[in-house]
Amino acid sequence: MERNKYDLHREVLTHKYADILKSFEETHDDRRIAWNCYQQLIGACEAMRDSGMENSFACCAVNKAMQEQEAEIDGIVTRFTGKVYKGVVKSLTSYGAFVDIGGIDGMVHVSELSWSRIKNPAEVVSVGDELEVYVIGFDRDAKRISLGYKKAEDNPWTKFVNTYSVGDIAKVKVVKLMPFGAFAEVMPGVDGLIHISQIANRRIGKPDEVLTVGDVVDVKVTAIDNDKQKISLSIRALSEPEPAPRRAAEPEAPVVPAEDALVYEVSETGEATGNIPEDVPGAEE
């Protein structure tokens, strides 16, 4: 009985998959067909899992067939990853914006709307706005297309490293206080840390003894970690004098032993007597 059930489901899945694949290839990468392919295949796979064969040998074979076909359909839909489409914002939620890209709704997560920190998608887009978005991927669990809106060329970290270097002075805005220091915005989307030891040139117990959120202060950039995209800042370094450049040590005059010292006299007649160097005129042989 289980074998017949497996054969039936395998036949249904195989035929459905073949029809989907044929439709997709005939439409020359039409994104709507691709998305329908994806949804239909996942739906078929879920139906297989709900068929009551979870603990049978047949289920193992079914799962293997599903995994192979899921992998192939994933390869098809990834053709669209990175492609850019024009869309219209249909609705907003607290976690993102749903965008129609031509008969298909995709979702731009709030983290993909802007490089700056935003609390609500409405800070960036409104319903009815026309956007240029790109496909990030396909969310299998949510059965949803994930879209991006922020552009790589607008990455604030890239702008920061092109503007500042270690040792530069920057005017920053304090955005958050923590027991170990203060975070300050160097430019929109880029924050740095002013460690508590670098806030003042005296010992303090808490950052709020000196700073308040919203303060605008001058700091020195003391370290940049490109890999972790972290910046170390210092107010204290601005009040500390620059170390004087080290001078090359002057060679000391050699000490001449007393017995080798040049001690000699020259008489009125021009004759020299005493401890006389050989090149002194009048030296006695």
C-alpha atoms as a PDB file:
ATOM      1  CA  MET A   1       0.000   0.000   0.000  1.00  0.00           C
ATOM      2  CA  GLU A   2       2.782   2.414   0.892  1.00  0.00           C
ATOM      3  CA  ARG A   3       4.575   1.588  -2.327  1.00  0.00           C
ATOM      4  CA  ASN A   4       1.502   2.418  -4.390  1.00  0.00           C
ATOM      5  CA  LYS A   5       1.055   5.640  -2.460  1.00  0.00           C
ATOM      6  CA  TYR A   6       4.667   6.550  -3.122  1.00  0.00           C
ATOM      7  CA  ASP A   7       4.373   5.771  -6.819  1.00  0.00           C
ATOM      8  CA  LEU A   8       1.275   7.911  -7.084  1.00  0.00           C
ATOM      9  CA  HIS A   9       2.821  10.897  -5.363  1.00  0.00           C
ATOM     10  CA  ARG A  10       6.047  10.532  -7.311  1.00  0.00           C
ATOM     11  CA  GLU A  11       4.108  10.498 -10.582  1.00  0.00           C
ATOM     12  CA  VAL A  12       2.135  13.592  -9.614  1.00  0.00           C
ATOM     13  CA  LEU A  13       5.252  15.441  -8.523  1.00  0.00           C
ATOM     14  CA  THR A  14       7.229  14.406 -11.608  1.00  0.00           C
ATOM     15  CA  HIS A  15       4.510  15.469 -14.024  1.00  0.00           C
ATOM     16  CA  LYS A  16       3.899  18.736 -12.183  1.00  0.00           C
ATOM     17  CA  TYR A  17       7.584  19.496 -12.167  1.00  0.00           C
ATOM     18  CA  ALA A  18       7.963  18.695 -15.870  1.00  0.00           C
ATOM     19  CA  ASP A  19       5.038  20.963 -16.748  1.00  0.00           C
ATOM     20  CA  ILE A  20       6.411  23.764 -14.583  1.00  0.00           C
ATOM     21  CA  LEU A  21       9.872  23.486 -16.071  1.00  0.00           C
ATOM     22  CA  LYS A  22       8.518  23.452 -19.627  1.00  0.00           C
ATOM     23  CA  SER A  23       6.390  26.521 -18.957  1.00  0.00           C
ATOM     24  CA  PHE A  24       9.329  28.319 -17.443  1.00  0.00           C
ATOM     25  CA  GLU A  25      11.715  27.603 -20.314  1.00  0.00           C
ATOM     26  CA  GLU A  26       9.129  28.673 -22.884  1.00  0.00           C
ATOM     27  CA  THR A  27       8.692  32.067 -21.241  1.00  0.00           C
ATOM     28  CA  HIS A  28      12.382  33.039 -21.461  1.00  0.00           C
ATOM     29  CA  ASP A  29      13.033  33.791 -17.811  1.00  0.00           C
ATOM     30  CA  ASP A  30       9.692  35.412 -17.067  1.00  0.00           C
ATOM     31  CA  ARG A  31       9.846  36.236 -13.371  1.00  0.00           C
ATOM     32  CA  ARG A  32       6.150  35.583 -12.767  1.00  0.00           C
ATOM     33  CA  ILE A  33       6.377  32.060 -14.160  1.00  0.00           C
ATOM     34  CA  ALA A  34       9.539  31.446 -12.174  1.00  0.00           C
ATOM     35  CA  TRP A  35       7.857  32.528  -8.976  1.00  0.00           C
ATOM     36  CA  ASN A  36       4.821  30.384  -9.739  1.00  0.00           C
ATOM     37  CA  CYS A  37       7.159  27.450 -10.400  1.00  0.00           C
ATOM     38  CA  TYR A  38       8.747  27.960  -7.059  1.00  0.00           C
ATOM     39  CA  GLN A  39       5.471  28.196  -5.158  1.00  0.00           C
ATOM     40  CA  GLN A  40       3.913  25.208  -6.925  1.00  0.00           C
ATOM     41  CA  LEU A  41       6.889  22.985  -6.313  1.00  0.00           C
ATOM     42  CA  ILE A  42       7.085  23.892  -2.639  1.00  0.00           C
ATOM     43  CA  GLY A  43       3.354  23.293  -2.354  1.00  0.00           C
ATOM     44  CA  ALA A  44       3.723  19.855  -3.929  1.00  0.00           C
ATOM     45  CA  CYS A  45       6.573  19.006  -1.590  1.00  0.00           C
ATOM     46  CA  GLU A  46       4.556  20.046   1.448  1.00  0.00           C
ATOM     47  CA  ALA A  47       1.681  17.881   0.263  1.00  0.00           C
ATOM     48  CA  MET A  48       4.068  14.961   0.065  1.00  0.00           C
ATOM     49  CA  ARG A  49       5.201  15.522   3.617  1.00  0.00           C
ATOM     50  CA  ASP A  50       1.592  15.679   4.781  1.00  0.00           C
ATOM     51  CA  SER A  51       0.744  12.345   3.151  1.00  0.00           C
ATOM     52  CA  GLY A  52       1.368  10.302   6.274  1.00  0.00           C
ATOM     53  CA  MET A  53       4.505   8.505   5.034  1.00  0.00           C
ATOM     54  CA  GLU A  54       6.952  10.242   7.318  1.00  0.00           C
ATOM     55  CA  ASN A  55       8.337   7.063   8.864  1.00  0.00           C
ATOM     56  CA  SER A  56       8.281   4.789   5.858  1.00  0.00           C
ATOM     57  CA  PHE A  57      10.937   3.694   3.405  1.00  0.00           C
ATOM     58  CA  ALA A  58       8.877   5.253   0.636  1.00  0.00           C
ATOM     59  CA  CYS A  59       9.048   8.633   2.376  1.00  0.00           C
ATOM     60  CA  CYS A  60      12.852   8.557   2.141  1.00  0.00           C
ATOM     61  CA  ALA A  61      12.635   8.105  -1.607  1.00  0.00           C
ATOM     62  CA  VAL A  62      10.010  10.828  -1.878  1.00  0.00           C
ATOM     63  CA  ASN A  63      12.167  13.222   0.127  1.00  0.00           C
ATOM     64  CA  LYS A  64      15.164  12.477  -2.062  1.00  0.00           C
ATOM     65  CA  ALA A  65      13.137  13.190  -5.204  1.00  0.00           C
ATOM     66  CA  MET A  66      11.819  16.399  -3.669  1.00  0.00           C
ATOM     67  CA  GLN A  67      15.260  17.554  -2.617  1.00  0.00           C
ATOM     68  CA  GLU A  68      16.674  16.982  -6.092  1.00  0.00           C
ATOM     69  CA  GLN A  69      13.849  18.864  -7.744  1.00  0.00           C
ATOM     70  CA  GLU A  70      13.874  21.644  -5.167  1.00  0.00           C
ATOM     71  CA  ALA A  71      17.582  22.111  -5.818  1.00  0.00           C
ATOM     72  CA  GLU A  72      16.967  22.335  -9.546  1.00  0.00           C
ATOM     73  CA  ILE A  73      14.130  24.824  -9.228  1.00  0.00           C
ATOM     74  CA  ASP A  74      16.278  26.866  -6.816  1.00  0.00           C
ATOM     75  CA  GLY A  75      18.893  26.996  -9.548  1.00  0.00           C
ATOM     76  CA  ILE A  76      16.284  28.357 -11.926  1.00  0.00           C
ATOM     77  CA  VAL A  77      14.947  31.082  -9.668  1.00  0.00           C
ATOM     78  CA  THR A  78      18.438  32.235  -8.708  1.00  0.00           C
ATOM     79  CA  ARG A  79      18.760  33.494 -12.279  1.00  0.00           C
ATOM     80  CA  PHE A  80      16.811  36.470 -11.018  1.00  0.00           C
ATOM     81  CA  THR A  81      18.955  37.159  -7.966  1.00  0.00           C
ATOM     82  CA  GLY A  82      20.537  40.579  -8.363  1.00  0.00           C
ATOM     83  CA  LYS A  83      18.301  41.631 -11.230  1.00  0.00           C
ATOM     84  CA  VAL A  84      16.829  45.130 -11.006  1.00  0.00           C
ATOM     85  CA  TYR A  85      13.124  45.848 -11.478  1.00  0.00           C
ATOM     86  CA  LYS A  86      10.869  48.860 -11.186  1.00  0.00           C
ATOM     87  CA  GLY A  87       8.054  48.430  -8.704  1.00  0.00           C
ATOM     88  CA  VAL A  88       5.338  50.219  -6.767  1.00  0.00           C
ATOM     89  CA  VAL A  89       4.959  50.215  -2.978  1.00  0.00           C
ATOM     90  CA  LYS A  90       1.661  48.487  -2.172  1.00  0.00           C
ATOM     91  CA  SER A  91       1.697  48.435   1.616  1.00  0.00           C
ATOM     92  CA  LEU A  92       3.866  49.124   4.648  1.00  0.00           C
ATOM     93  CA  THR A  93       4.364  47.151   7.836  1.00  0.00           C
ATOM     94  CA  SER A  94       6.539  47.730  10.868  1.00  0.00           C
ATOM     95  CA  TYR A  95       9.198  45.410   9.401  1.00  0.00           C
ATOM     96  CA  GLY A  96       9.233  46.431   5.740  1.00  0.00           C
ATOM     97  CA  ALA A  97       7.508  47.443   2.521  1.00  0.00           C
ATOM     98  CA  PHE A  98       5.655  45.210   0.060  1.00  0.00           C
ATOM     99  CA  VAL A  99       6.451  46.129  -3.530  1.00  0.00           C
ATOM    100  CA  ASP A 100       4.679  44.998  -6.713  1.00  0.00           C
ATOM    101  CA  ILE A 101       7.299  44.267  -9.383  1.00  0.00           C
ATOM    102  CA  GLY A 102       4.918  43.430 -12.184  1.00  0.00           C
ATOM    103  CA  GLY A 103       2.273  41.060 -10.910  1.00  0.00           C
ATOM    104  CA  ILE A 104       4.453  39.697  -8.102  1.00  0.00           C
ATOM    105  CA  ASP A 105       4.739  41.107  -4.605  1.00  0.00           C
ATOM    106  CA  GLY A 106       8.146  41.154  -2.977  1.00  0.00           C
ATOM    107  CA  MET A 107       9.156  42.475   0.408  1.00  0.00           C
ATOM    108  CA  VAL A 108      11.875  45.007   1.170  1.00  0.00           C
ATOM    109  CA  HIS A 109      12.882  44.473   4.788  1.00  0.00           C
ATOM    110  CA  VAL A 110      13.325  47.632   6.845  1.00  0.00           C
ATOM    111  CA  SER A 111      17.070  46.901   7.059  1.00  0.00           C
ATOM    112  CA  GLU A 112      17.260  46.964   3.239  1.00  0.00           C
ATOM    113  CA  LEU A 113      15.522  50.316   2.820  1.00  0.00           C
ATOM    114  CA  SER A 114      18.311  52.565   4.061  1.00  0.00           C
ATOM    115  CA  TRP A 115      21.939  52.471   5.184  1.00  0.00           C
ATOM    116  CA  SER A 116      20.933  54.727   8.082  1.00  0.00           C
ATOM    117  CA  ARG A 117      19.110  53.470  11.136  1.00  0.00           C
ATOM    118  CA  ILE A 118      15.345  53.800  10.705  1.00  0.00           C
ATOM    119  CA  LYS A 119      12.554  52.652  13.003  1.00  0.00           C
ATOM    120  CA  ASN A 120       9.770  52.571  10.450  1.00  0.00           C
ATOM    121  CA  PRO A 121       9.670  52.081   6.642  1.00  0.00           C
ATOM    122  CA  ALA A 122       7.519  55.212   6.397  1.00  0.00           C
ATOM    123  CA  GLU A 123      10.656  57.239   7.105  1.00  0.00           C
ATOM    124  CA  VAL A 124      11.934  56.276   3.641  1.00  0.00           C
ATOM    125  CA  VAL A 125       8.987  55.266   1.414  1.00  0.00           C
ATOM    126  CA  SER A 126       5.223  55.741   1.126  1.00  0.00           C
ATOM    127  CA  VAL A 127       2.436  53.684  -0.423  1.00  0.00           C
ATOM    128  CA  GLY A 128       2.321  54.422  -4.157  1.00  0.00           C
ATOM    129  CA  ASP A 129       6.003  55.323  -4.467  1.00  0.00           C
ATOM    130  CA  GLU A 130       7.782  53.976  -7.541  1.00  0.00           C
ATOM    131  CA  LEU A 131      11.039  52.285  -6.600  1.00  0.00           C
ATOM    132  CA  GLU A 132      13.925  50.619  -8.360  1.00  0.00           C
ATOM    133  CA  VAL A 133      14.549  47.410  -6.429  1.00  0.00           C
ATOM    134  CA  TYR A 134      16.679  44.315  -6.921  1.00  0.00           C
ATOM    135  CA  VAL A 135      16.077  40.650  -6.066  1.00  0.00           C
ATOM    136  CA  ILE A 136      18.035  39.433  -3.031  1.00  0.00           C
ATOM    137  CA  GLY A 137      16.590  35.943  -2.950  1.00  0.00           C
ATOM    138  CA  PHE A 138      13.576  33.746  -2.361  1.00  0.00           C
ATOM    139  CA  ASP A 139      12.379  33.117   1.174  1.00  0.00           C
ATOM    140  CA  ARG A 140      11.208  29.501   1.125  1.00  0.00           C
ATOM    141  CA  ASP A 141       9.665  29.524   4.591  1.00  0.00           C
ATOM    142  CA  ALA A 142       7.663  32.694   4.003  1.00  0.00           C
ATOM    143  CA  LYS A 143       7.113  31.857   0.302  1.00  0.00           C
ATOM    144  CA  ARG A 144       8.150  35.392  -0.511  1.00  0.00           C
ATOM    145  CA  ILE A 145      10.586  37.240  -2.739  1.00  0.00           C
ATOM    146  CA  SER A 146      13.140  39.266  -0.794  1.00  0.00           C
ATOM    147  CA  LEU A 147      13.993  42.611  -2.386  1.00  0.00           C
ATOM    148  CA  GLY A 148      16.633  45.248  -1.721  1.00  0.00           C
ATOM    149  CA  TYR A 149      16.448  48.991  -2.190  1.00  0.00           C
ATOM    150  CA  LYS A 150      19.606  50.543  -0.753  1.00  0.00           C
ATOM    151  CA  LYS A 151      22.451  50.820  -3.280  1.00  0.00           C
ATOM    152  CA  ALA A 152      25.970  49.523  -2.749  1.00  0.00           C
ATOM    153  CA  GLU A 153      27.470  52.784  -4.007  1.00  0.00           C
ATOM    154  CA  ASP A 154      25.679  54.601  -1.181  1.00  0.00           C
ATOM    155  CA  ASN A 155      27.326  52.448   1.477  1.00  0.00           C
ATOM    156  CA  PRO A 156      28.302  54.938   4.211  1.00  0.00           C
ATOM    157  CA  TRP A 157      31.300  52.846   5.296  1.00  0.00           C
ATOM    158  CA  THR A 158      32.827  53.283   1.845  1.00  0.00           C
ATOM    159  CA  LYS A 159      32.251  57.027   2.098  1.00  0.00           C
ATOM    160  CA  PHE A 160      33.819  57.079   5.553  1.00  0.00           C
ATOM    161  CA  VAL A 161      37.064  55.304   4.600  1.00  0.00           C
ATOM    162  CA  ASN A 162      37.347  57.559   1.560  1.00  0.00           C
ATOM    163  CA  THR A 163      37.029  60.629   3.791  1.00  0.00           C
ATOM    164  CA  TYR A 164      38.832  59.868   7.050  1.00  0.00           C
ATOM    165  CA  SER A 165      42.096  58.269   8.119  1.00  0.00           C
ATOM    166  CA  VAL A 166      43.619  57.509  11.512  1.00  0.00           C
ATOM    167  CA  GLY A 167      44.731  60.786  13.104  1.00  0.00           C
ATOM    168  CA  ASP A 168      42.063  62.930  11.421  1.00  0.00           C
ATOM    169  CA  ILE A 169      39.794  65.227  13.421  1.00  0.00           C
ATOM    170  CA  ALA A 170      36.024  64.832  13.007  1.00  0.00           C
ATOM    171  CA  LYS A 171      32.954  66.578  14.388  1.00  0.00           C
ATOM    172  CA  VAL A 172      30.569  63.903  15.689  1.00  0.00           C
ATOM    173  CA  LYS A 173      27.181  63.667  17.389  1.00  0.00           C
ATOM    174  CA  VAL A 174      26.707  61.565  20.504  1.00  0.00           C
ATOM    175  CA  VAL A 175      23.852  59.113  19.841  1.00  0.00           C
ATOM    176  CA  LYS A 176      24.065  56.608  22.703  1.00  0.00           C
ATOM    177  CA  LEU A 177      25.660  56.324  26.114  1.00  0.00           C
ATOM    178  CA  MET A 178      26.810  53.002  27.556  1.00  0.00           C
ATOM    179  CA  PRO A 179      28.637  52.155  30.797  1.00  0.00           C
ATOM    180  CA  PHE A 180      31.846  51.581  28.805  1.00  0.00           C
ATOM    181  CA  GLY A 181      31.674  54.676  26.602  1.00  0.00           C
ATOM    182  CA  ALA A 182      29.686  56.709  24.106  1.00  0.00           C
ATOM    183  CA  PHE A 183      28.672  55.936  20.537  1.00  0.00           C
ATOM    184  CA  ALA A 184      28.876  58.891  18.204  1.00  0.00           C
ATOM    185  CA  GLU A 185      27.697  59.353  14.626  1.00  0.00           C
ATOM    186  CA  VAL A 186      30.602  60.306  12.385  1.00  0.00           C
ATOM    187  CA  MET A 187      28.377  60.519   9.306  1.00  0.00           C
ATOM    188  CA  PRO A 188      24.898  59.131   8.550  1.00  0.00           C
ATOM    189  CA  GLY A 189      25.076  55.364   8.929  1.00  0.00           C
ATOM    190  CA  VAL A 190      28.538  55.275  10.510  1.00  0.00           C
ATOM    191  CA  ASP A 191      29.091  55.329  14.274  1.00  0.00           C
ATOM    192  CA  GLY A 192      32.271  55.188  16.283  1.00  0.00           C
ATOM    193  CA  LEU A 193      33.008  54.428  19.925  1.00  0.00           C
ATOM    194  CA  ILE A 194      34.510  56.906  22.355  1.00  0.00           C
ATOM    195  CA  HIS A 195      35.727  54.614  25.129  1.00  0.00           C
ATOM    196  CA  ILE A 196      35.149  55.930  28.645  1.00  0.00           C
ATOM    197  CA  SER A 197      38.917  56.252  29.084  1.00  0.00           C
ATOM    198  CA  GLN A 198      39.030  58.575  26.049  1.00  0.00           C
ATOM    199  CA  ILE A 199      36.211  60.947  27.017  1.00  0.00           C
ATOM    200  CA  ALA A 200      38.158  63.200  29.385  1.00  0.00           C
ATOM    201  CA  ASN A 201      41.743  63.736  30.542  1.00  0.00           C
ATOM    202  CA  ARG A 202      40.690  62.780  34.045  1.00  0.00           C
ATOM    203  CA  ARG A 203      39.174  59.621  35.490  1.00  0.00           C
ATOM    204  CA  ILE A 204      35.362  59.484  35.251  1.00  0.00           C
ATOM    205  CA  GLY A 205      32.889  56.914  36.537  1.00  0.00           C
ATOM    206  CA  LYS A 206      30.226  57.240  33.831  1.00  0.00           C
ATOM    207  CA  PRO A 207      30.133  58.815  30.360  1.00  0.00           C
ATOM    208  CA  ASP A 208      27.145  60.995  31.328  1.00  0.00           C
ATOM    209  CA  GLU A 209      29.396  62.884  33.742  1.00  0.00           C
ATOM    210  CA  VAL A 210      30.777  64.613  30.645  1.00  0.00           C
ATOM    211  CA  LEU A 211      28.530  63.822  27.679  1.00  0.00           C
ATOM    212  CA  THR A 212      24.817  63.924  26.863  1.00  0.00           C
ATOM    213  CA  VAL A 213      23.003  62.330  23.941  1.00  0.00           C
ATOM    214  CA  GLY A 214      22.803  64.971  21.211  1.00  0.00           C
ATOM    215  CA  ASP A 215      26.101  66.654  22.078  1.00  0.00           C
ATOM    216  CA  VAL A 216      28.269  67.597  19.108  1.00  0.00           C
ATOM    217  CA  VAL A 217      31.974  67.277  19.890  1.00  0.00           C
ATOM    218  CA  ASP A 218      35.322  67.159  18.128  1.00  0.00           C
ATOM    219  CA  VAL A 219      37.196  63.855  18.257  1.00  0.00           C
ATOM    220  CA  LYS A 220      40.322  62.295  16.843  1.00  0.00           C
ATOM    221  CA  VAL A 221      40.061  59.070  14.859  1.00  0.00           C
ATOM    222  CA  THR A 222      42.443  56.723  16.663  1.00  0.00           C
ATOM    223  CA  ALA A 223      41.713  53.369  14.972  1.00  0.00           C
ATOM    224  CA  ILE A 224      39.764  51.973  12.002  1.00  0.00           C
ATOM    225  CA  ASP A 225      38.928  48.269  11.698  1.00  0.00           C
ATOM    226  CA  ASN A 226      37.900  47.702   8.081  1.00  0.00           C
ATOM    227  CA  ASP A 227      37.056  44.024   8.566  1.00  0.00           C
ATOM    228  CA  LYS A 228      34.654  44.616  11.464  1.00  0.00           C
ATOM    229  CA  GLN A 229      33.749  48.142  10.321  1.00  0.00           C
ATOM    230  CA  LYS A 230      34.495  49.608  13.740  1.00  0.00           C
ATOM    231  CA  ILE A 231      35.941  53.015  14.587  1.00  0.00           C
ATOM    232  CA  SER A 232      37.709  54.153  17.757  1.00  0.00           C
ATOM    233  CA  LEU A 233      37.412  57.831  18.642  1.00  0.00           C
ATOM    234  CA  SER A 234      38.998  59.991  21.327  1.00  0.00           C
ATOM    235  CA  ILE A 235      38.227  63.376  22.847  1.00  0.00           C
ATOM    236  CA  ARG A 236      41.117  63.073  25.276  1.00  0.00           C
ATOM    237  CA  ALA A 237      43.661  62.786  22.475  1.00  0.00           C
ATOM    238  CA  LEU A 238      42.835  66.334  21.377  1.00  0.00           C
ATOM    239  CA  SER A 239      44.019  67.801  24.704  1.00  0.00           C
ATOM    240  CA  GLU A 240      47.205  65.773  24.871  1.00  0.00           C
ATOM    241  CA  PRO A 241      50.316  67.422  23.402  1.00  0.00           C
ATOM    242  CA  GLU A 242      51.851  65.820  20.379  1.00  0.00           C
ATOM    243  CA  PRO A 243      55.025  63.931  21.296  1.00  0.00           C
ATOM    244  CA  ALA A 244      58.157  65.831  20.308  1.00  0.00           C
ATOM    245  CA  PRO A 245      60.043  64.267  17.424  1.00  0.00           C
ATOM    246  CA  ARG A 246      63.035  62.278  18.603  1.00  0.00           C
ATOM    247  CA  ARG A 247      66.392  63.856  17.760  1.00  0.00           C
ATOM    248  CA  ALA A 248      69.210  61.704  16.553  1.00  0.00           C
ATOM    249  CA  ALA A 249      71.747  61.241  19.328  1.00  0.00           C
ATOM    250  CA  GLU A 250      74.913  63.257  18.773  1.00  0.00           C
ATOM    251  CA  PRO A 251      78.109  61.179  18.903  1.00  0.00           C
ATOM    252  CA  GLU A 252      80.107  61.751  22.038  1.00  0.00           C
ATOM    253  CA  ALA A 253      83.684  63.011  21.780  1.00  0.00           C
ATOM    254  CA  PRO A 254      86.129  60.187  22.369  1.00  0.00           C
ATOM    255  CA  VAL A 255      87.896  60.205  25.695  1.00  0.00           C
ATOM    256  CA  VAL A 256      91.640  60.573  25.187  1.00  0.00           C
ATOM    257  CA  PRO A 257      93.798  58.803  27.770  1.00  0.00           C
ATOM    258  CA  ALA A 258      96.015  61.155  29.727  1.00  0.00           C
ATOM    259  CA  GLU A 259      99.150  59.483  28.459  1.00  0.00           C
ATOM    260  CA  ASP A 260      98.045  60.111  24.871  1.00  0.00           C
ATOM    261  CA  ALA A 261      97.108  63.750  25.362  1.00  0.00           C
ATOM    262  CA  LEU A 262      98.937  66.290  23.220  1.00  0.00           C
ATOM    263  CA  VAL A 263     101.056  68.240  25.674  1.00  0.00           C
ATOM    264  CA  TYR A 264     103.985  70.069  24.153  1.00  0.00           C
ATOM    265  CA  GLU A 265     105.749  73.443  24.087  1.00  0.00           C
ATOM    266  CA  VAL A 266     107.127  75.519  21.250  1.00  0.00           C
ATOM    267  CA  SER A 267     110.201  77.640  21.940  1.00  0.00           C
ATOM    268  CA  GLU A 268     110.988  81.092  20.515  1.00  0.00           C
ATOM    269  CA  THR A 269     113.154  79.430  17.931  1.00  0.00           C
ATOM    270  CA  GLY A 270     110.236  77.291  16.765  1.00  0.00           C
ATOM    271  CA  GLU A 271     111.341  74.012  18.295  1.00  0.00           C
ATOM    272  CA  ALA A 272     108.643  71.836  19.908  1.00  0.00           C
ATOM    273  CA  THR A 273     109.317  69.637  22.906  1.00  0.00           C
ATOM    274  CA  GLY A 274     107.079  67.241  24.921  1.00  0.00           C
ATOM    275  CA  ASN A 275     104.326  64.771  23.782  1.00  0.00           C
ATOM    276  CA  ILE A 276     104.324  65.860  20.167  1.00  0.00           C
ATOM    277  CA  PRO A 277     102.310  64.436  17.242  1.00  0.00           C
ATOM    278  CA  GLU A 278     104.382  63.464  14.258  1.00  0.00           C
ATOM    279  CA  ASP A 279     102.812  66.043  11.938  1.00  0.00           C
ATOM    280  CA  VAL A 280     103.727  69.048  14.144  1.00  0.00           C
ATOM    281  CA  PRO A 281     106.513  71.074  12.504  1.00  0.00           C
ATOM    282  CA  GLY A 282     109.675  71.053  14.504  1.00  0.00           C
ATOM    283  CA  ALA A 283     108.976  67.771  16.208  1.00  0.00           C
ATOM    284  CA  GLU A 284     112.136  66.084  17.344  1.00  0.00           C
ATOM    285  CA  GLU A 285     112.992  62.783  15.723  1.00  0.00           C
END
